[in-house]
Amino acid sequence: MANAKHAQDSGPYLQVKDLRVSFATEDGVVRAVDGVTFSVERGKTLGIVGESGSGKSVTSMAIMGLHNRKRTTMSGELLVDGQDIIQLPEERIRKLRGHAMSMIFQDPLTALHPYYTIGRQIIEAYQIHHPEANKAKSRTRAIEMLDRVGIPQPNRRVDQYSHEFSGGMRQRAMIAMALVNNPDLIIADEPTTALDVTVQAQILDLIEDLQKEFNSAVIIITHDLGVVSQTADEVLVMYAGRVAEFGTAEQVLKAPQHPYAWGLLSSVPSLTGDAEEDLVPIKGNPPSLINVPSGCAFHPRCRYAMLEGGPCDIEVPQLLPLQAPGESYHLVACHLSERHRKEVYEQDVASVGVAQ
């Protein structure tokens, strides 16, 4: 008999529809997420990229049901295996969290409790969803998970505290805790922050291996385009709480359509580019989400705004598919015509190695 968790295998496991999240502050309303739509299927990985303040982490916290409902206004739909997180009572969400969906947080040093052993924290996460499991069985499960994520001597490490672990081992312990209940949706928020390159690769390989084993849907939230190119099937580019571009990893990384995506790719080094070539940072700073610029939020920083005479400064661009044959899956929110985007990309942007 099939596992009840996997009974609904048709369609995306996660569907986000016109999600809007805002917070009231003394200075005004922060529109952190403003009409975001996407979906993720089991066995697939979505990479969400953008600068700090683009709405990436707020979106993930909304999916996990972690926002304070008394201080947060949310609308739209967040369907996890057909259940709308926005409409569910908090008690029901707590039962889903860790079981149907789980999150690997950005900083394991602060996410892990310093006064409890690693094993106790994994055991607690396991027993929440397996109240019938006794202490011995739960401990065995914790040791098994530590071993699965590559922590040496798990029988000894299970009784140690987070300060006794290295940065890479703390991140592995966080992954063990997140996956102890075999969740169908895994959200990894900057999972390789502050880790050296070798450990980064190991962590990403580990997430990929466990995803294949559990057939989980995965969301990788990052500012590191190298992580996206290594892990993602699809890429969502966010700016000022909105989606700027969406497509397969190959489409977005090799043939980006939005000037903001061009900027992100031009500001990082390429292995195949000229080592002497200067990187091209995006001018200016991300906007305040209390006072988002009118029209396209990126237009004050865009080198190509008003190239066609507008309406970049007055009208919010719609997220629309490209008109080229076979590109209906590639969406972009930009007022530039496809002809102008193609000309600008070929003559200006690709020359700095973005196409590589």
Protein backbone atom coordinates (compact mmCIF):
# COMPACT_ATOMS: atom_id res chain seq x y z
CA MET A 1 0.00 0.00 0.00
CA ALA A 2 1.36 3.45 -0.95
CA ASN A 3 2.43 5.86 1.76
CA ALA A 4 -0.42 8.27 2.53
CA LYS A 5 2.01 11.18 2.31
CA HIS A 6 2.55 10.46 -1.36
CA ALA A 7 -1.07 9.75 -2.24
CA GLN A 8 -1.48 12.98 -4.21
CA ASP A 9 1.28 12.70 -6.80
CA SER A 10 -0.51 14.57 -9.60
CA GLY A 11 0.40 18.22 -10.06
CA PRO A 12 2.90 20.39 -8.14
CA TYR A 13 3.41 19.64 -4.47
CA LEU A 14 3.69 23.38 -3.69
CA GLN A 15 1.61 26.04 -5.45
CA VAL A 16 2.04 29.71 -4.58
CA LYS A 17 -0.64 31.91 -6.15
CA ASP A 18 -0.56 35.72 -6.04
CA LEU A 19 1.09 35.72 -2.61
CA ARG A 20 1.17 39.09 -0.84
CA VAL A 21 2.82 39.62 2.54
CA SER A 22 2.99 42.97 4.32
CA PHE A 23 3.96 44.24 7.77
CA ALA A 24 2.76 47.38 9.52
CA THR A 25 5.61 49.46 11.02
CA GLU A 26 5.89 52.91 12.58
CA ASP A 27 7.27 54.20 9.30
CA GLY A 28 4.56 52.66 7.13
CA VAL A 29 3.49 49.38 5.54
CA VAL A 30 6.29 47.12 4.31
CA ARG A 31 5.11 45.28 1.19
CA ALA A 32 7.64 42.47 1.47
CA VAL A 33 6.01 40.16 -1.10
CA ASP A 34 3.76 41.63 -3.75
CA GLY A 35 1.92 39.18 -5.99
CA VAL A 36 4.33 36.24 -6.33
CA THR A 37 3.24 33.08 -8.17
CA PHE A 38 5.18 29.84 -8.72
CA SER A 39 5.00 26.09 -8.15
CA VAL A 40 7.39 23.23 -7.35
CA GLU A 41 6.93 19.55 -8.18
CA ARG A 42 8.27 16.59 -6.22
CA GLY A 43 11.78 15.68 -7.29
CA LYS A 44 12.44 19.19 -8.68
CA THR A 45 14.49 22.08 -7.33
CA LEU A 46 13.54 25.74 -7.60
CA GLY A 47 16.23 28.35 -7.02
CA ILE A 48 15.04 31.73 -5.75
CA VAL A 49 17.62 34.49 -6.23
CA GLY A 50 17.83 38.19 -5.56
CA GLU A 51 19.54 40.77 -3.37
CA SER A 52 18.83 41.19 0.32
CA GLY A 53 15.36 42.65 0.78
CA SER A 54 13.96 41.15 -2.41
CA GLY A 55 11.41 39.03 -0.52
CA LYS A 56 13.05 35.61 -0.78
CA SER A 57 13.12 34.70 2.90
CA VAL A 58 9.74 36.31 3.63
CA THR A 59 8.24 34.04 0.97
CA SER A 60 9.81 30.95 2.53
CA MET A 61 8.66 31.94 6.02
CA ALA A 62 5.12 32.35 4.67
CA ILE A 63 5.19 28.86 3.15
CA MET A 64 6.30 27.45 6.50
CA GLY A 65 3.60 29.41 8.34
CA LEU A 66 6.19 31.15 10.53
CA HIS A 67 4.94 34.74 10.32
CA ASN A 68 3.19 36.26 13.32
CA ARG A 69 -0.41 36.47 12.12
CA LYS A 70 -1.20 39.35 14.47
CA ARG A 71 1.45 41.52 12.86
CA THR A 72 1.39 40.20 9.30
CA THR A 73 -1.16 40.58 6.51
CA MET A 74 -1.16 37.78 3.95
CA SER A 75 -3.35 37.07 0.94
CA GLY A 76 -3.33 34.73 -2.05
CA GLU A 77 -2.90 30.98 -1.81
CA LEU A 78 -0.12 28.77 -0.43
CA LEU A 79 -1.09 25.23 -1.34
CA VAL A 80 1.08 22.52 0.21
CA ASP A 81 -0.18 19.17 -1.08
CA GLY A 82 -3.54 20.86 -1.71
CA GLN A 83 -3.84 22.49 1.74
CA ASP A 84 -3.85 26.29 1.89
CA ILE A 85 -1.40 27.37 4.61
CA ILE A 86 -2.94 30.85 4.78
CA GLN A 87 -6.36 29.45 5.68
CA LEU A 88 -5.22 26.72 8.09
CA PRO A 89 -5.26 27.21 11.88
CA GLU A 90 -1.82 27.45 13.48
CA GLU A 91 -2.21 24.12 15.25
CA ARG A 92 -2.73 22.37 11.92
CA ILE A 93 0.29 24.14 10.41
CA ARG A 94 2.47 22.99 13.31
CA LYS A 95 1.52 19.40 12.50
CA LEU A 96 2.54 19.90 8.87
CA ARG A 97 5.79 21.67 9.72
CA GLY A 98 8.66 19.21 9.85
CA HIS A 99 6.53 16.45 8.30
CA ALA A 100 5.01 17.74 5.06
CA MET A 101 7.47 20.62 4.83
CA SER A 102 10.71 21.47 6.54
CA MET A 103 13.27 24.26 6.49
CA ILE A 104 17.05 24.39 6.69
CA PHE A 105 17.82 27.78 8.19
CA GLN A 106 20.57 30.13 7.13
CA ASP A 107 22.60 30.23 10.34
CA PRO A 108 22.75 26.92 12.24
CA LEU A 109 24.67 28.54 15.09
CA THR A 110 21.59 30.59 16.03
CA ALA A 111 18.98 28.08 14.83
CA LEU A 112 20.36 25.29 17.04
CA HIS A 113 19.71 25.60 20.78
CA PRO A 114 23.01 26.04 22.67
CA TYR A 115 21.76 24.42 25.91
CA TYR A 116 20.48 21.14 24.44
CA THR A 117 22.48 18.40 22.80
CA ILE A 118 22.22 17.93 19.05
CA GLY A 119 20.63 14.54 19.64
CA ARG A 120 17.97 15.91 21.97
CA GLN A 121 16.94 18.50 19.38
CA ILE A 122 16.67 15.91 16.60
CA ILE A 123 14.78 13.55 18.92
CA GLU A 124 12.30 16.30 19.81
CA ALA A 125 11.68 17.06 16.14
CA TYR A 126 11.09 13.35 15.51
CA GLN A 127 8.79 12.71 18.48
CA ILE A 128 6.50 15.62 17.61
CA HIS A 129 5.33 13.60 14.60
CA HIS A 130 5.94 10.15 16.10
CA PRO A 131 4.51 10.32 19.65
CA GLU A 132 4.44 6.52 19.76
CA ALA A 133 8.25 6.32 19.49
CA ASN A 134 9.99 5.63 22.80
CA LYS A 135 13.26 7.26 23.86
CA ALA A 136 15.45 4.41 22.61
CA LYS A 137 13.84 4.31 19.17
CA SER A 138 14.01 8.09 18.83
CA ARG A 139 17.66 8.14 19.81
CA THR A 140 18.42 5.43 17.27
CA ARG A 141 16.67 7.52 14.62
CA ALA A 142 18.74 10.60 15.58
CA ILE A 143 21.98 8.62 15.32
CA GLU A 144 20.88 7.20 11.98
CA MET A 145 20.20 10.69 10.59
CA LEU A 146 23.53 12.06 11.81
CA ASP A 147 25.22 9.16 10.06
CA ARG A 148 23.17 9.77 6.90
CA VAL A 149 24.30 13.38 6.66
CA GLY A 150 27.95 12.37 7.00
CA ILE A 151 28.76 13.27 10.60
CA PRO A 152 31.54 10.95 11.86
CA GLN A 153 31.09 8.95 15.04
CA PRO A 154 27.36 9.70 15.27
CA ASN A 155 26.99 7.54 18.41
CA ARG A 156 29.26 9.99 20.24
CA ARG A 157 28.30 13.18 18.44
CA VAL A 158 24.61 12.72 19.27
CA ASP A 159 25.38 13.72 22.88
CA GLN A 160 27.40 16.81 22.00
CA TYR A 161 26.34 20.46 21.83
CA SER A 162 26.32 22.77 18.83
CA HIS A 163 29.44 24.67 19.98
CA GLU A 164 31.36 21.39 19.75
CA PHE A 165 30.58 21.12 16.03
CA SER A 166 32.36 22.90 13.17
CA GLY A 167 30.37 25.17 10.87
CA GLY A 168 29.95 22.46 8.26
CA MET A 169 28.93 19.89 10.85
CA ARG A 170 26.37 22.27 12.37
CA GLN A 171 24.83 22.70 8.94
CA ARG A 172 24.74 18.92 8.51
CA ALA A 173 23.06 18.60 11.91
CA MET A 174 20.45 21.16 10.79
CA ILE A 175 19.82 19.09 7.67
CA ALA A 176 19.47 15.93 9.79
CA MET A 177 16.88 17.69 11.96
CA ALA A 178 15.02 19.04 8.91
CA LEU A 179 14.89 15.62 7.22
CA VAL A 180 14.28 13.37 10.23
CA ASN A 181 10.58 13.04 9.29
CA ASN A 182 11.16 12.58 5.53
CA PRO A 183 9.42 15.84 4.47
CA ASP A 184 7.99 16.19 0.97
CA LEU A 185 9.05 19.85 0.73
CA ILE A 186 12.49 21.10 1.79
CA ILE A 187 13.27 24.82 1.90
CA ALA A 188 16.97 25.65 2.22
CA ASP A 189 17.56 29.32 3.05
CA GLU A 190 21.16 30.20 2.13
CA PRO A 191 22.31 26.69 3.14
CA THR A 192 25.98 27.32 2.34
CA THR A 193 26.47 30.78 3.91
CA ALA A 194 29.85 31.20 5.67
CA LEU A 195 31.02 27.72 4.63
CA ASP A 196 34.23 27.16 2.68
CA VAL A 197 33.95 26.07 -0.94
CA THR A 198 34.68 22.39 -0.27
CA VAL A 199 32.06 22.14 2.48
CA GLN A 200 29.57 24.06 0.31
CA ALA A 201 29.88 21.44 -2.41
CA GLN A 202 29.44 18.64 0.13
CA ILE A 203 26.29 20.23 1.58
CA LEU A 204 24.75 20.76 -1.84
CA ASP A 205 25.56 17.20 -2.89
CA LEU A 206 24.00 15.95 0.35
CA ILE A 207 20.76 17.86 -0.25
CA GLU A 208 20.62 16.54 -3.81
CA ASP A 209 21.20 12.94 -2.70
CA LEU A 210 18.55 13.12 -0.01
CA GLN A 211 16.13 14.76 -2.43
CA LYS A 212 16.53 11.85 -4.84
CA GLU A 213 15.99 9.37 -2.03
CA PHE A 214 12.83 11.00 -0.68
CA ASN A 215 11.60 12.47 -4.03
CA SER A 216 11.16 15.80 -2.23
CA ALA A 217 10.37 19.17 -3.75
CA VAL A 218 13.24 21.54 -2.91
CA ILE A 219 13.53 25.33 -2.80
CA ILE A 220 17.04 26.78 -2.59
CA ILE A 221 17.05 30.44 -1.54
CA THR A 222 20.37 32.10 -2.28
CA HIS A 223 22.20 35.10 -3.64
CA ASP A 224 24.91 32.78 -5.01
CA LEU A 225 24.33 32.11 -8.71
CA GLY A 226 26.93 29.35 -8.61
CA VAL A 227 24.73 27.43 -6.17
CA VAL A 228 21.74 27.94 -8.48
CA SER A 229 23.60 26.71 -11.56
CA GLN A 230 24.70 23.59 -9.68
CA THR A 231 21.36 22.64 -8.10
CA ALA A 232 18.28 24.25 -9.66
CA ASP A 233 15.94 22.95 -12.35
CA GLU A 234 14.07 26.26 -12.43
CA VAL A 235 15.02 29.79 -11.33
CA LEU A 236 12.85 32.57 -9.91
CA VAL A 237 14.46 36.03 -9.88
CA MET A 238 12.91 38.37 -7.28
CA TYR A 239 13.24 42.13 -6.94
CA ALA A 240 11.43 44.39 -4.46
CA GLY A 241 8.97 41.66 -3.53
CA ARG A 242 7.99 40.80 -7.11
CA VAL A 243 9.03 38.27 -9.73
CA ALA A 244 11.30 39.81 -12.34
CA GLU A 245 12.00 36.63 -14.32
CA PHE A 246 11.20 32.93 -14.23
CA GLY A 247 12.32 29.99 -16.33
CA THR A 248 14.47 26.90 -16.44
CA ALA A 249 17.98 27.27 -15.04
CA GLU A 250 19.40 27.11 -18.56
CA GLN A 251 17.05 29.83 -19.82
CA VAL A 252 17.66 32.26 -16.98
CA LEU A 253 21.41 31.70 -16.60
CA LYS A 254 22.33 31.43 -20.29
CA ALA A 255 19.75 33.69 -21.92
CA PRO A 256 18.45 36.07 -19.20
CA GLN A 257 15.80 38.56 -20.30
CA HIS A 258 15.45 41.05 -17.44
CA PRO A 259 18.02 43.85 -16.93
CA TYR A 260 18.15 42.96 -13.24
CA ALA A 261 19.12 39.37 -14.09
CA TRP A 262 21.75 40.76 -16.45
CA GLY A 263 23.10 42.81 -13.57
CA LEU A 264 23.22 39.87 -11.19
CA LEU A 265 25.11 37.76 -13.71
CA SER A 266 27.47 40.58 -14.72
CA SER A 267 28.47 41.21 -11.10
CA VAL A 268 29.90 37.73 -10.47
CA PRO A 269 33.08 36.22 -11.97
CA SER A 270 32.88 33.61 -14.72
CA LEU A 271 35.21 30.63 -15.04
CA THR A 272 35.19 31.07 -18.82
CA GLY A 273 35.46 34.86 -18.84
CA ASP A 274 38.52 37.10 -19.09
CA ALA A 275 40.35 37.07 -15.76
CA GLU A 276 41.35 40.71 -16.34
CA GLU A 277 37.80 41.83 -17.11
CA ASP A 278 36.25 44.12 -14.52
CA LEU A 279 33.02 42.97 -12.90
CA VAL A 280 30.02 45.22 -13.48
CA PRO A 281 28.03 45.81 -10.28
CA ILE A 282 24.43 46.98 -10.32
CA LYS A 283 24.44 50.68 -9.54
CA GLY A 284 22.51 52.01 -6.57
CA ASN A 285 20.80 50.09 -3.77
CA PRO A 286 17.64 47.97 -3.48
CA PRO A 287 14.59 50.16 -2.78
CA SER A 288 12.81 50.54 0.53
CA LEU A 289 9.81 48.22 0.61
CA ILE A 290 7.89 50.99 2.36
CA ASN A 291 8.39 53.34 -0.59
CA VAL A 292 8.73 51.12 -3.64
CA PRO A 293 9.39 53.17 -6.81
CA SER A 294 6.42 53.66 -9.11
CA GLY A 295 6.18 51.59 -12.27
CA CYS A 296 8.93 49.00 -12.59
CA ALA A 297 10.62 48.96 -9.18
CA PHE A 298 14.00 48.43 -10.86
CA HIS A 299 13.78 51.44 -13.19
CA PRO A 300 15.83 53.87 -11.00
CA ARG A 301 18.80 51.44 -11.23
CA CYS A 302 18.23 50.21 -14.80
CA ARG A 303 20.60 51.38 -17.53
CA TYR A 304 17.93 50.68 -20.13
CA ALA A 305 14.88 52.25 -18.49
CA MET A 306 12.90 54.51 -20.81
CA LEU A 307 14.81 53.16 -23.81
CA GLU A 308 11.51 53.04 -25.66
CA GLY A 309 10.14 56.18 -24.07
CA GLY A 310 8.47 54.42 -21.13
CA PRO A 311 6.32 53.45 -19.36
CA CYS A 312 9.01 52.10 -16.98
CA ASP A 313 8.45 54.87 -14.42
CA ILE A 314 4.65 54.75 -14.26
CA GLU A 315 3.38 51.25 -15.06
CA VAL A 316 4.18 47.97 -13.28
CA PRO A 317 5.23 45.46 -15.97
CA GLN A 318 3.30 42.20 -16.21
CA LEU A 319 5.06 38.85 -15.95
CA LEU A 320 4.59 37.52 -19.48
CA PRO A 321 6.00 34.64 -21.56
CA LEU A 322 8.44 35.33 -24.37
CA GLN A 323 6.95 35.34 -27.83
CA ALA A 324 9.68 33.23 -29.42
CA PRO A 325 8.65 29.66 -30.34
CA GLY A 326 9.27 27.20 -27.51
CA GLU A 327 9.85 29.96 -24.96
CA SER A 328 6.35 30.02 -23.39
CA TYR A 329 7.86 28.69 -20.16
CA HIS A 330 10.28 31.63 -19.90
CA LEU A 331 8.56 34.59 -18.21
CA VAL A 332 9.82 38.16 -17.79
CA ALA A 333 8.38 41.36 -16.30
CA CYS A 334 9.98 44.12 -18.38
CA HIS A 335 8.68 46.96 -20.55
CA LEU A 336 11.49 46.57 -23.10
CA SER A 337 10.37 44.84 -26.28
CA GLU A 338 11.90 41.47 -27.03
CA ARG A 339 13.69 43.04 -30.00
CA HIS A 340 15.32 45.68 -27.82
CA ARG A 341 16.21 43.16 -25.12
CA LYS A 342 17.85 40.93 -27.72
CA GLU A 343 19.81 43.85 -29.20
CA VAL A 344 20.95 45.15 -25.81
CA TYR A 345 21.92 41.68 -24.63
CA GLU A 346 23.96 40.82 -27.72
CA GLN A 347 25.66 44.22 -28.06
CA ASP A 348 26.17 45.22 -24.45
CA VAL A 349 25.50 42.55 -21.85
CA ALA A 350 26.96 39.37 -23.38
CA SER A 351 30.25 41.18 -23.99
CA VAL A 352 31.03 41.00 -20.24
CA GLY A 353 30.66 37.24 -20.16
CA VAL A 354 27.09 36.86 -18.93
CA ALA A 355 26.26 34.36 -21.67
CA GLN A 356 28.93 32.08 -20.32
